[in-house]
Amino acid sequence: MDSIKLKKIKKILNEVNSWKDRMSQLTDQQLQEKTEEFRRRFRQGESLDDLLAEAYAVVREVSQRVLGMFPTMFKSWERSSSTKEILQRWKPGKERP
């Protein structure tokens, strides 16, 4: 994986992480309403890339509440072979793996 791709992915990860506290303050109902909010914002012209970090943060918060699991990335995440395989197939602006 080249450093440019890695830099872009780390930027997205930082954006997702920046939503953590705000998402944890939302009620279950407010989290459910995020789906319709994302649809509305997409129809109004926001791109999927614009919505990506916030949407992932919602999914991550719901996962924590429902499953008791909070997906995190650890410091050596870029060395994981399965992560590398996924990231090599991912291209910004395209469908996510």
N, C-alpha and C. Protein backbone atom coordinates (compact mmCIF):
# COMPACT_ATOMS: atom_id res chain seq x y z
N MET A 1 0.85 -1.17 0.00
CA MET A 1 0.00 0.00 0.00
C MET A 1 0.89 1.24 0.00
N ASP A 2 0.58 2.15 -0.88
CA ASP A 2 1.42 3.34 -0.94
C ASP A 2 1.01 4.35 0.13
N SER A 3 1.91 5.24 0.41
CA SER A 3 1.70 6.18 1.51
C SER A 3 0.57 7.17 1.22
N ILE A 4 0.30 7.47 -0.03
CA ILE A 4 -0.79 8.39 -0.37
C ILE A 4 -2.14 7.79 -0.01
N LYS A 5 -2.34 6.52 -0.39
CA LYS A 5 -3.59 5.84 -0.03
C LYS A 5 -3.73 5.73 1.47
N LEU A 6 -2.65 5.38 2.11
CA LEU A 6 -2.66 5.22 3.56
C LEU A 6 -3.01 6.54 4.25
N LYS A 7 -2.48 7.63 3.73
CA LYS A 7 -2.77 8.96 4.28
C LYS A 7 -4.26 9.29 4.16
N LYS A 8 -4.86 8.97 3.01
CA LYS A 8 -6.28 9.23 2.80
C LYS A 8 -7.13 8.40 3.76
N ILE A 9 -6.75 7.16 3.95
CA ILE A 9 -7.51 6.28 4.84
C ILE A 9 -7.37 6.73 6.29
N LYS A 10 -6.20 7.13 6.68
CA LYS A 10 -6.01 7.63 8.05
C LYS A 10 -6.82 8.89 8.28
N LYS A 11 -6.95 9.72 7.25
CA LYS A 11 -7.76 10.94 7.37
C LYS A 11 -9.22 10.56 7.63
N ILE A 12 -9.72 9.58 6.89
CA ILE A 12 -11.10 9.13 7.08
C ILE A 12 -11.26 8.55 8.49
N LEU A 13 -10.30 7.76 8.92
CA LEU A 13 -10.36 7.18 10.26
C LEU A 13 -10.42 8.28 11.32
N ASN A 14 -9.63 9.31 11.16
CA ASN A 14 -9.64 10.43 12.11
C ASN A 14 -11.00 11.14 12.11
N GLU A 15 -11.60 11.27 10.92
CA GLU A 15 -12.92 11.90 10.83
C GLU A 15 -13.96 11.04 11.55
N VAL A 16 -13.91 9.73 11.34
CA VAL A 16 -14.84 8.83 12.02
C VAL A 16 -14.67 8.96 13.53
N ASN A 17 -13.44 8.92 13.98
CA ASN A 17 -13.18 9.03 15.42
C ASN A 17 -13.66 10.35 16.00
N SER A 18 -13.64 11.41 15.21
CA SER A 18 -14.07 12.72 15.71
C SER A 18 -15.57 12.75 16.02
N TRP A 19 -16.34 11.83 15.49
CA TRP A 19 -17.78 11.76 15.72
C TRP A 19 -18.14 10.97 16.97
N LYS A 20 -17.21 10.27 17.57
CA LYS A 20 -17.50 9.33 18.66
C LYS A 20 -18.31 9.96 19.79
N ASP A 21 -17.86 11.06 20.35
CA ASP A 21 -18.55 11.67 21.49
C ASP A 21 -19.94 12.16 21.12
N ARG A 22 -20.07 12.76 19.93
CA ARG A 22 -21.39 13.25 19.51
C ARG A 22 -22.37 12.11 19.33
N MET A 23 -21.92 10.99 18.76
CA MET A 23 -22.80 9.85 18.54
C MET A 23 -23.21 9.21 19.85
N SER A 24 -22.32 9.17 20.80
CA SER A 24 -22.64 8.52 22.07
C SER A 24 -23.69 9.31 22.86
N GLN A 25 -23.88 10.58 22.53
CA GLN A 25 -24.87 11.41 23.22
C GLN A 25 -26.27 11.30 22.62
N LEU A 26 -26.37 10.70 21.44
CA LEU A 26 -27.67 10.58 20.78
C LEU A 26 -28.49 9.45 21.41
N THR A 27 -29.81 9.61 21.40
CA THR A 27 -30.69 8.55 21.85
C THR A 27 -30.79 7.48 20.76
N ASP A 28 -31.34 6.33 21.11
CA ASP A 28 -31.55 5.28 20.10
C ASP A 28 -32.44 5.80 18.97
N GLN A 29 -33.46 6.55 19.32
CA GLN A 29 -34.37 7.11 18.32
C GLN A 29 -33.62 8.07 17.39
N GLN A 30 -32.79 8.91 17.94
CA GLN A 30 -32.02 9.86 17.12
C GLN A 30 -31.07 9.12 16.18
N LEU A 31 -30.49 8.03 16.65
CA LEU A 31 -29.61 7.23 15.78
C LEU A 31 -30.42 6.61 14.64
N GLN A 32 -31.62 6.12 14.93
CA GLN A 32 -32.47 5.57 13.88
C GLN A 32 -32.83 6.63 12.85
N GLU A 33 -33.06 7.84 13.30
CA GLU A 33 -33.44 8.93 12.40
C GLU A 33 -32.29 9.36 11.48
N LYS A 34 -31.07 8.98 11.83
CA LYS A 34 -29.91 9.34 11.00
C LYS A 34 -30.03 8.74 9.60
N THR A 35 -30.65 7.57 9.48
CA THR A 35 -30.79 6.94 8.15
C THR A 35 -31.55 7.86 7.21
N GLU A 36 -32.70 8.35 7.66
CA GLU A 36 -33.48 9.25 6.82
C GLU A 36 -32.75 10.57 6.59
N GLU A 37 -32.04 11.04 7.60
CA GLU A 37 -31.26 12.26 7.44
C GLU A 37 -30.20 12.08 6.34
N PHE A 38 -29.52 10.95 6.35
CA PHE A 38 -28.50 10.69 5.32
C PHE A 38 -29.13 10.62 3.94
N ARG A 39 -30.28 9.99 3.83
CA ARG A 39 -30.98 9.92 2.53
C ARG A 39 -31.33 11.32 2.04
N ARG A 40 -31.87 12.14 2.96
CA ARG A 40 -32.25 13.50 2.59
C ARG A 40 -31.02 14.30 2.14
N ARG A 41 -29.97 14.21 2.91
CA ARG A 41 -28.76 14.96 2.57
C ARG A 41 -28.16 14.50 1.24
N PHE A 42 -28.23 13.20 0.97
CA PHE A 42 -27.74 12.67 -0.30
C PHE A 42 -28.59 13.21 -1.46
N ARG A 43 -29.91 13.20 -1.27
CA ARG A 43 -30.81 13.74 -2.31
C ARG A 43 -30.55 15.22 -2.55
N GLN A 44 -30.09 15.92 -1.51
CA GLN A 44 -29.83 17.36 -1.64
C GLN A 44 -28.43 17.65 -2.20
N GLY A 45 -27.70 16.61 -2.53
CA GLY A 45 -26.44 16.83 -3.22
C GLY A 45 -25.17 16.43 -2.50
N GLU A 46 -25.26 16.05 -1.23
CA GLU A 46 -24.04 15.59 -0.55
C GLU A 46 -23.62 14.25 -1.16
N SER A 47 -22.35 14.06 -1.31
CA SER A 47 -21.86 12.81 -1.88
C SER A 47 -21.76 11.74 -0.79
N LEU A 48 -21.66 10.49 -1.22
CA LEU A 48 -21.47 9.41 -0.27
C LEU A 48 -20.16 9.59 0.49
N ASP A 49 -19.16 10.11 -0.17
CA ASP A 49 -17.89 10.38 0.52
C ASP A 49 -18.07 11.44 1.60
N ASP A 50 -18.95 12.43 1.34
CA ASP A 50 -19.22 13.46 2.35
C ASP A 50 -19.88 12.87 3.59
N LEU A 51 -20.70 11.85 3.39
CA LEU A 51 -21.46 11.24 4.47
C LEU A 51 -20.72 10.09 5.15
N LEU A 52 -19.67 9.62 4.54
CA LEU A 52 -19.00 8.39 4.97
C LEU A 52 -18.62 8.36 6.45
N ALA A 53 -17.88 9.32 6.92
CA ALA A 53 -17.36 9.29 8.29
C ALA A 53 -18.49 9.32 9.31
N GLU A 54 -19.45 10.20 9.10
CA GLU A 54 -20.56 10.29 10.04
C GLU A 54 -21.41 9.02 10.03
N ALA A 55 -21.67 8.49 8.84
CA ALA A 55 -22.46 7.26 8.74
C ALA A 55 -21.75 6.09 9.41
N TYR A 56 -20.46 5.98 9.20
CA TYR A 56 -19.72 4.90 9.84
C TYR A 56 -19.74 5.07 11.36
N ALA A 57 -19.66 6.31 11.82
CA ALA A 57 -19.70 6.57 13.26
C ALA A 57 -21.05 6.15 13.85
N VAL A 58 -22.14 6.34 13.09
CA VAL A 58 -23.46 5.89 13.54
C VAL A 58 -23.47 4.37 13.66
N VAL A 59 -22.99 3.70 12.64
CA VAL A 59 -22.96 2.23 12.65
C VAL A 59 -22.11 1.73 13.81
N ARG A 60 -21.01 2.38 14.03
CA ARG A 60 -20.12 1.97 15.11
C ARG A 60 -20.79 2.14 16.48
N GLU A 61 -21.51 3.23 16.66
CA GLU A 61 -22.22 3.47 17.92
C GLU A 61 -23.34 2.45 18.13
N VAL A 62 -24.08 2.17 17.06
CA VAL A 62 -25.16 1.17 17.15
C VAL A 62 -24.57 -0.19 17.48
N SER A 63 -23.46 -0.54 16.87
CA SER A 63 -22.80 -1.80 17.16
C SER A 63 -22.44 -1.90 18.64
N GLN A 64 -21.96 -0.81 19.19
CA GLN A 64 -21.61 -0.78 20.61
C GLN A 64 -22.84 -1.02 21.48
N ARG A 65 -23.93 -0.37 21.13
CA ARG A 65 -25.14 -0.48 21.96
C ARG A 65 -25.83 -1.84 21.82
N VAL A 66 -25.92 -2.33 20.61
CA VAL A 66 -26.67 -3.56 20.35
C VAL A 66 -25.85 -4.81 20.61
N LEU A 67 -24.63 -4.82 20.12
CA LEU A 67 -23.80 -6.01 20.20
C LEU A 67 -22.76 -5.97 21.32
N GLY A 68 -22.58 -4.78 21.89
CA GLY A 68 -21.55 -4.63 22.91
C GLY A 68 -20.15 -4.65 22.31
N MET A 69 -20.07 -4.39 21.01
CA MET A 69 -18.78 -4.41 20.31
C MET A 69 -18.53 -3.04 19.70
N PHE A 70 -17.35 -2.52 19.91
CA PHE A 70 -16.99 -1.22 19.36
C PHE A 70 -15.78 -1.40 18.45
N PRO A 71 -16.01 -1.40 17.13
CA PRO A 71 -14.88 -1.59 16.22
C PRO A 71 -13.86 -0.46 16.38
N THR A 72 -12.62 -0.83 16.59
CA THR A 72 -11.56 0.16 16.71
C THR A 72 -10.40 -0.24 15.81
N MET A 73 -9.60 0.71 15.53
CA MET A 73 -8.39 0.46 14.75
C MET A 73 -7.21 0.66 15.69
N PHE A 74 -6.34 -0.32 15.75
CA PHE A 74 -5.20 -0.20 16.62
C PHE A 74 -4.00 0.35 15.86
N LYS A 75 -3.00 0.73 16.60
CA LYS A 75 -1.88 1.47 16.03
C LYS A 75 -1.24 0.76 14.83
N SER A 76 -1.16 -0.54 14.89
CA SER A 76 -0.49 -1.25 13.79
C SER A 76 -1.50 -1.78 12.77
N TRP A 77 -2.66 -1.12 12.64
CA TRP A 77 -3.70 -1.60 11.75
C TRP A 77 -3.25 -1.76 10.32
N GLU A 78 -2.36 -0.92 9.87
CA GLU A 78 -1.94 -1.00 8.47
C GLU A 78 -1.07 -2.22 8.19
N ARG A 79 -0.61 -2.90 9.24
CA ARG A 79 0.19 -4.10 9.04
C ARG A 79 -0.64 -5.37 8.95
N SER A 80 -1.92 -5.28 9.25
CA SER A 80 -2.80 -6.44 9.19
C SER A 80 -3.00 -6.84 7.74
N SER A 81 -2.77 -8.12 7.43
CA SER A 81 -2.88 -8.56 6.04
C SER A 81 -4.31 -8.46 5.53
N SER A 82 -5.32 -8.79 6.35
CA SER A 82 -6.70 -8.69 5.87
C SER A 82 -7.08 -7.22 5.64
N THR A 83 -6.61 -6.33 6.50
CA THR A 83 -6.88 -4.92 6.31
C THR A 83 -6.21 -4.43 5.03
N LYS A 84 -4.99 -4.86 4.80
CA LYS A 84 -4.29 -4.46 3.58
C LYS A 84 -5.05 -4.91 2.34
N GLU A 85 -5.56 -6.14 2.36
CA GLU A 85 -6.30 -6.65 1.20
C GLU A 85 -7.54 -5.80 0.93
N ILE A 86 -8.27 -5.46 1.98
CA ILE A 86 -9.47 -4.64 1.81
C ILE A 86 -9.10 -3.26 1.29
N LEU A 87 -8.09 -2.65 1.87
CA LEU A 87 -7.71 -1.30 1.50
C LEU A 87 -7.14 -1.24 0.09
N GLN A 88 -6.51 -2.29 -0.36
CA GLN A 88 -5.97 -2.30 -1.71
C GLN A 88 -7.08 -2.32 -2.76
N ARG A 89 -8.24 -2.89 -2.40
CA ARG A 89 -9.36 -2.93 -3.33
C ARG A 89 -10.18 -1.65 -3.27
N TRP A 90 -10.05 -0.88 -2.19
CA TRP A 90 -10.87 0.32 -1.99
C TRP A 90 -10.26 1.51 -2.69
N LYS A 91 -11.12 2.24 -3.39
CA LYS A 91 -10.69 3.47 -4.03
C LYS A 91 -11.67 4.56 -3.63
N PRO A 92 -11.17 5.72 -3.14
CA PRO A 92 -12.07 6.81 -2.77
C PRO A 92 -13.02 7.14 -3.92
N GLY A 93 -14.28 7.37 -3.58
CA GLY A 93 -15.28 7.71 -4.58
C GLY A 93 -15.93 6.50 -5.21
N LYS A 94 -15.47 5.32 -4.89
CA LYS A 94 -16.03 4.09 -5.45
C LYS A 94 -16.73 3.32 -4.34
N GLU A 95 -17.44 2.28 -4.75
CA GLU A 95 -18.13 1.43 -3.77
C GLU A 95 -17.13 0.85 -2.80
N ARG A 96 -17.53 0.81 -1.54
CA ARG A 96 -16.65 0.27 -0.49
C ARG A 96 -16.70 -1.25 -0.51
N PRO A 97 -15.59 -1.93 -0.17
CA PRO A 97 -15.60 -3.40 -0.12
C PRO A 97 -16.47 -3.90 1.02
